C-alpha atoms as a PDB file:
ATOM      1  CA  MET A   1      -0.130  -0.107  -0.242  1.00  0.00           C
ATOM      2  CA  GLU A   2       1.289   3.602  -0.933  1.00  0.00           C
ATOM      3  CA  ALA A   3       2.115   5.804   1.901  1.00  0.00           C
ATOM      4  CA  THR A   4      -0.503   8.340   0.637  1.00  0.00           C
ATOM      5  CA  GLN A   5      -3.328   5.585   0.775  1.00  0.00           C
ATOM      6  CA  LYS A   6      -2.243   4.553   4.401  1.00  0.00           C
ATOM      7  CA  ARG A   7      -2.177   8.117   5.591  1.00  0.00           C
ATOM      8  CA  GLN A   8      -6.017   8.356   3.878  1.00  0.00           C
ATOM      9  CA  ASP A   9      -7.165   5.293   5.682  1.00  0.00           C
ATOM     10  CA  VAL A  10      -5.990   6.292   8.959  1.00  0.00           C
ATOM     11  CA  GLU A  11      -7.042  10.310   8.251  1.00  0.00           C
ATOM     12  CA  LEU A  12     -10.197  10.958  10.462  1.00  0.00           C
ATOM     13  CA  MET A  13     -12.937  13.575   9.536  1.00  0.00           C
ATOM     14  CA  GLN A  14     -14.536  14.655  12.482  1.00  0.00           C
ATOM     15  CA  LEU A  15     -18.106  15.630  11.836  1.00  0.00           C
ATOM     16  CA  VAL A  16     -21.096  16.981  13.469  1.00  0.00           C
ATOM     17  CA  THR A  17     -24.280  14.803  12.367  1.00  0.00           C
ATOM     18  CA  PHE A  18     -27.742  16.349  12.164  1.00  0.00           C
ATOM     19  CA  SER A  19     -30.962  15.099  10.627  1.00  0.00           C
ATOM     20  CA  ILE A  20     -33.480  16.785   8.146  1.00  0.00           C
ATOM     21  CA  GLY A  21     -36.331  14.410   7.622  1.00  0.00           C
ATOM     22  CA  ASP A  22     -35.199  10.935   6.932  1.00  0.00           C
ATOM     23  CA  GLU A  23     -31.658  12.340   5.794  1.00  0.00           C
ATOM     24  CA  GLU A  24     -28.691  12.292   7.874  1.00  0.00           C
ATOM     25  CA  PHE A  25     -26.037  15.060   7.125  1.00  0.00           C
ATOM     26  CA  GLY A  26     -22.804  15.939   8.710  1.00  0.00           C
ATOM     27  CA  VAL A  27     -20.309  19.111   8.567  1.00  0.00           C
ATOM     28  CA  ASP A  28     -16.869  19.661   9.380  1.00  0.00           C
ATOM     29  CA  ILE A  29     -16.652  20.269  13.243  1.00  0.00           C
ATOM     30  CA  LEU A  30     -14.382  22.826  12.991  1.00  0.00           C
ATOM     31  CA  LYS A  31     -16.727  25.078  11.084  1.00  0.00           C
ATOM     32  CA  VAL A  32     -19.400  24.471  14.022  1.00  0.00           C
ATOM     33  CA  GLN A  33     -19.146  27.326  16.787  1.00  0.00           C
ATOM     34  CA  GLU A  34     -21.770  25.845  18.637  1.00  0.00           C
ATOM     35  CA  ILE A  35     -25.289  24.161  18.940  1.00  0.00           C
ATOM     36  CA  ILE A  36     -28.233  25.936  20.808  1.00  0.00           C
ATOM     37  CA  ARG A  37     -31.650  25.115  21.523  1.00  0.00           C
ATOM     38  CA  THR A  38     -34.388  27.022  19.607  1.00  0.00           C
ATOM     39  CA  MET A  39     -35.030  30.528  20.681  1.00  0.00           C
ATOM     40  CA  GLU A  40     -37.308  33.288  19.685  1.00  0.00           C
ATOM     41  CA  ILE A  41     -36.486  34.114  16.022  1.00  0.00           C
ATOM     42  CA  THR A  42     -37.193  37.617  15.086  1.00  0.00           C
ATOM     43  CA  ARG A  43     -38.591  37.723  11.495  1.00  0.00           C
ATOM     44  CA  VAL A  44     -37.060  40.072   9.028  1.00  0.00           C
ATOM     45  CA  PRO A  45     -39.163  41.727   6.258  1.00  0.00           C
ATOM     46  CA  ARG A  46     -38.455  40.872   2.557  1.00  0.00           C
ATOM     47  CA  ALA A  47     -35.895  38.306   3.701  1.00  0.00           C
ATOM     48  CA  PRO A  48     -35.509  35.140   1.295  1.00  0.00           C
ATOM     49  CA  ALA A  49     -37.969  32.501   1.900  1.00  0.00           C
ATOM     50  CA  PHE A  50     -35.458  29.929   3.537  1.00  0.00           C
ATOM     51  CA  VAL A  51     -34.339  32.794   6.016  1.00  0.00           C
ATOM     52  CA  GLU A  52     -36.259  32.294   9.322  1.00  0.00           C
ATOM     53  CA  GLY A  53     -35.134  35.638  10.835  1.00  0.00           C
ATOM     54  CA  VAL A  54     -32.516  36.615  13.173  1.00  0.00           C
ATOM     55  CA  ILE A  55     -31.891  35.917  16.924  1.00  0.00           C
ATOM     56  CA  ASN A  56     -29.542  37.886  19.677  1.00  0.00           C
ATOM     57  CA  LEU A  57     -26.985  35.354  20.516  1.00  0.00           C
ATOM     58  CA  ARG A  58     -24.956  37.022  23.424  1.00  0.00           C
ATOM     59  CA  GLY A  59     -25.131  40.569  21.550  1.00  0.00           C
ATOM     60  CA  LYS A  60     -24.518  39.294  18.208  1.00  0.00           C
ATOM     61  CA  VAL A  61     -27.368  39.392  15.610  1.00  0.00           C
ATOM     62  CA  ILE A  62     -27.121  36.273  13.841  1.00  0.00           C
ATOM     63  CA  PRO A  63     -29.136  35.210  10.720  1.00  0.00           C
ATOM     64  CA  ILE A  64     -31.181  32.165  10.799  1.00  0.00           C
ATOM     65  CA  ILE A  65     -31.531  29.644   8.031  1.00  0.00           C
ATOM     66  CA  ASP A  66     -34.167  26.823   8.025  1.00  0.00           C
ATOM     67  CA  LEU A  67     -32.224  24.131   6.004  1.00  0.00           C
ATOM     68  CA  ARG A  68     -35.624  22.345   5.592  1.00  0.00           C
ATOM     69  CA  LYS A  69     -36.752  25.458   3.255  1.00  0.00           C
ATOM     70  CA  ARG A  70     -33.266  25.729   1.933  1.00  0.00           C
ATOM     71  CA  PHE A  71     -33.421  22.417   0.611  1.00  0.00           C
ATOM     72  CA  GLY A  72     -36.818  22.749  -0.511  1.00  0.00           C
ATOM     73  CA  LEU A  73     -38.467  20.338   1.736  1.00  0.00           C
ATOM     74  CA  GLN A  74     -41.827  20.810   3.499  1.00  0.00           C
ATOM     75  CA  ALA A  75     -41.669  23.198   6.402  1.00  0.00           C
ATOM     76  CA  ARG A  76     -42.043  21.650   9.836  1.00  0.00           C
ATOM     77  CA  GLY A  77     -42.497  23.304  13.287  1.00  0.00           C
ATOM     78  CA  HIS A  78     -40.128  23.301  15.697  1.00  0.00           C
ATOM     79  CA  ASP A  79     -39.974  20.562  18.496  1.00  0.00           C
ATOM     80  CA  LYS A  80     -37.906  19.803  21.641  1.00  0.00           C
ATOM     81  CA  ASN A  81     -35.298  18.206  19.148  1.00  0.00           C
ATOM     82  CA  THR A  82     -34.761  20.924  17.000  1.00  0.00           C
ATOM     83  CA  ARG A  83     -31.676  22.401  17.285  1.00  0.00           C
ATOM     84  CA  ILE A  84     -29.798  25.686  15.672  1.00  0.00           C
ATOM     85  CA  ILE A  85     -26.113  25.033  14.424  1.00  0.00           C
ATOM     86  CA  VAL A  86     -23.948  28.136  14.396  1.00  0.00           C
ATOM     87  CA  ILE A  87     -21.614  28.078  11.765  1.00  0.00           C
ATOM     88  CA  GLU A  88     -19.046  30.530  10.405  1.00  0.00           C
ATOM     89  CA  ILE A  89     -19.115  30.910   6.493  1.00  0.00           C
ATOM     90  CA  SER A  90     -17.085  32.996   4.755  1.00  0.00           C
ATOM     91  CA  ASN A  91     -16.314  35.350   7.692  1.00  0.00           C
ATOM     92  CA  MET A  92     -19.913  35.369   8.482  1.00  0.00           C
ATOM     93  CA  ILE A  93     -21.780  33.868  11.496  1.00  0.00           C
ATOM     94  CA  VAL A  94     -25.018  31.930  10.574  1.00  0.00           C
ATOM     95  CA  GLY A  95     -27.506  29.814  12.489  1.00  0.00           C
ATOM     96  CA  PHE A  96     -29.062  26.701  10.647  1.00  0.00           C
ATOM     97  CA  VAL A  97     -32.405  25.210  11.696  1.00  0.00           C
ATOM     98  CA  VAL A  98     -32.028  21.501  11.813  1.00  0.00           C
ATOM     99  CA  ASP A  99     -34.416  18.677  12.890  1.00  0.00           C
ATOM    100  CA  SER A 100     -32.165  17.493  15.492  1.00  0.00           C
ATOM    101  CA  VAL A 101     -28.348  16.767  16.185  1.00  0.00           C
ATOM    102  CA  SER A 102     -27.373  13.248  16.697  1.00  0.00           C
ATOM    103  CA  GLU A 103     -23.571  13.019  17.422  1.00  0.00           C
ATOM    104  CA  VAL A 104     -19.994  13.888  16.593  1.00  0.00           C
ATOM    105  CA  LEU A 105     -18.618  11.116  14.398  1.00  0.00           C
ATOM    106  CA  ARG A 106     -14.944  10.289  13.455  1.00  0.00           C
ATOM    107  CA  ILE A 107     -15.061   8.817   9.887  1.00  0.00           C
ATOM    108  CA  PRO A 108     -11.912   7.943   8.024  1.00  0.00           C
ATOM    109  CA  ALA A 109     -11.507   9.950   4.691  1.00  0.00           C
ATOM    110  CA  SER A 110     -11.435   6.979   2.735  1.00  0.00           C
ATOM    111  CA  THR A 111     -14.951   5.713   3.653  1.00  0.00           C
ATOM    112  CA  VAL A 112     -16.146   9.473   1.710  1.00  0.00           C
ATOM    113  CA  GLU A 113     -17.056   9.163  -1.866  1.00  0.00           C
ATOM    114  CA  PRO A 114     -17.501  12.000  -4.211  1.00  0.00           C
ATOM    115  CA  PRO A 115     -21.466  13.007  -4.460  1.00  0.00           C
ATOM    116  CA  PRO A 116     -23.489  11.537  -7.105  1.00  0.00           C
ATOM    117  CA  PRO A 117     -25.388  13.960  -9.447  1.00  0.00           C
ATOM    118  CA  MET A 118     -28.478  13.995  -7.316  1.00  0.00           C
ATOM    119  CA  VAL A 119     -28.820  12.762  -3.663  1.00  0.00           C
ATOM    120  CA  ALA A 120     -31.961  12.686  -1.709  1.00  0.00           C
ATOM    121  CA  GLY A 121     -33.593  15.060  -4.032  1.00  0.00           C
ATOM    122  CA  LEU A 122     -30.771  17.695  -3.176  1.00  0.00           C
ATOM    123  CA  GLU A 123     -28.996  19.476  -5.687  1.00  0.00           C
ATOM    124  CA  SER A 124     -25.480  18.005  -5.712  1.00  0.00           C
ATOM    125  CA  GLU A 125     -23.830  21.447  -5.481  1.00  0.00           C
ATOM    126  CA  TYR A 126     -24.400  21.518  -1.669  1.00  0.00           C
ATOM    127  CA  ILE A 127     -22.726  18.166  -1.354  1.00  0.00           C
ATOM    128  CA  SER A 128     -19.122  17.694  -0.934  1.00  0.00           C
ATOM    129  CA  GLY A 129     -19.312  13.784  -0.420  1.00  0.00           C
ATOM    130  CA  VAL A 130     -21.070  10.949   0.782  1.00  0.00           C
ATOM    131  CA  GLY A 131     -19.684   9.112   3.798  1.00  0.00           C
ATOM    132  CA  LYS A 132     -20.318   5.139   3.794  1.00  0.00           C
ATOM    133  CA  LEU A 133     -20.947   3.951   7.529  1.00  0.00           C
ATOM    134  CA  GLU A 134     -21.844   0.377   8.199  1.00  0.00           C
ATOM    135  CA  ASP A 135     -25.516   0.726   8.453  1.00  0.00           C
ATOM    136  CA  ARG A 136     -26.248   4.330   6.537  1.00  0.00           C
ATOM    137  CA  LEU A 137     -25.046   6.921   4.283  1.00  0.00           C
ATOM    138  CA  LEU A 138     -24.135  10.303   5.720  1.00  0.00           C
ATOM    139  CA  ILE A 139     -24.381  13.269   3.274  1.00  0.00           C
ATOM    140  CA  LEU A 140     -21.404  15.556   3.840  1.00  0.00           C
ATOM    141  CA  LEU A 141     -22.459  19.358   3.329  1.00  0.00           C
ATOM    142  CA  ASP A 142     -20.110  21.860   1.496  1.00  0.00           C
ATOM    143  CA  LEU A 143     -20.849  24.826   3.518  1.00  0.00           C
ATOM    144  CA  ASN A 144     -19.397  27.578   1.302  1.00  0.00           C
ATOM    145  CA  ARG A 145     -21.715  26.243  -1.520  1.00  0.00           C
ATOM    146  CA  LEU A 146     -24.672  26.414   0.683  1.00  0.00           C
ATOM    147  CA  LEU A 147     -25.175  29.970   0.035  1.00  0.00           C
ATOM    148  CA  SER A 148     -24.597  31.865  -3.190  1.00  0.00           C
ATOM    149  CA  ARG A 149     -22.394  34.871  -2.924  1.00  0.00           C
ATOM    150  CA  GLU A 150     -25.702  37.059  -3.555  1.00  0.00           C
ATOM    151  CA  GLU A 151     -27.405  35.035  -0.698  1.00  0.00           C
ATOM    152  CA  ARG A 152     -24.374  35.975   1.631  1.00  0.00           C
ATOM    153  CA  SER A 153     -24.466  39.597   0.840  1.00  0.00           C
ATOM    154  CA  VAL A 154     -28.154  39.741   1.556  1.00  0.00           C
ATOM    155  CA  LEU A 155     -27.782  38.253   4.903  1.00  0.00           C
ATOM    156  CA  LEU A 156     -25.425  40.539   5.668  1.00  0.00           C
ATOM    157  CA  GLN A 157     -27.675  43.165   5.193  1.00  0.00           C
ATOM    158  CA  VAL A 158     -30.446  41.237   7.392  1.00  0.00           C
END
């Protein structure tokens, strides 16, 4: 086995995993600032449809995006499992509403494959790869592609 292959086999990706509907997603733990319970979200007039509004998190106003709406899935009310994952994207802090947060996983980089053209109805542009776990697949999100440049500039004005 080549040295690069050996290194890839032992190179672990550390991911925060969460659910939206029946699908399980993962994001790089280094991008996640914190995970919080839902709180009162202030609606913002004329914001894009997938923007829930803003929250005040320790004196910082953070835009909140509903990933269900972002992915074109049916909206769902928040419940006791709903969480907001606070993430930094392109030097901007954004909160993503997810149905539930599962766990922190360490998976070998070698178990991740490039995304197929369509995964679970999501446009593959948001997906950086698919992790093959023993009994399930984990969709890895590319956070930098989740919001277009125009959408990021709109969020800066929110």
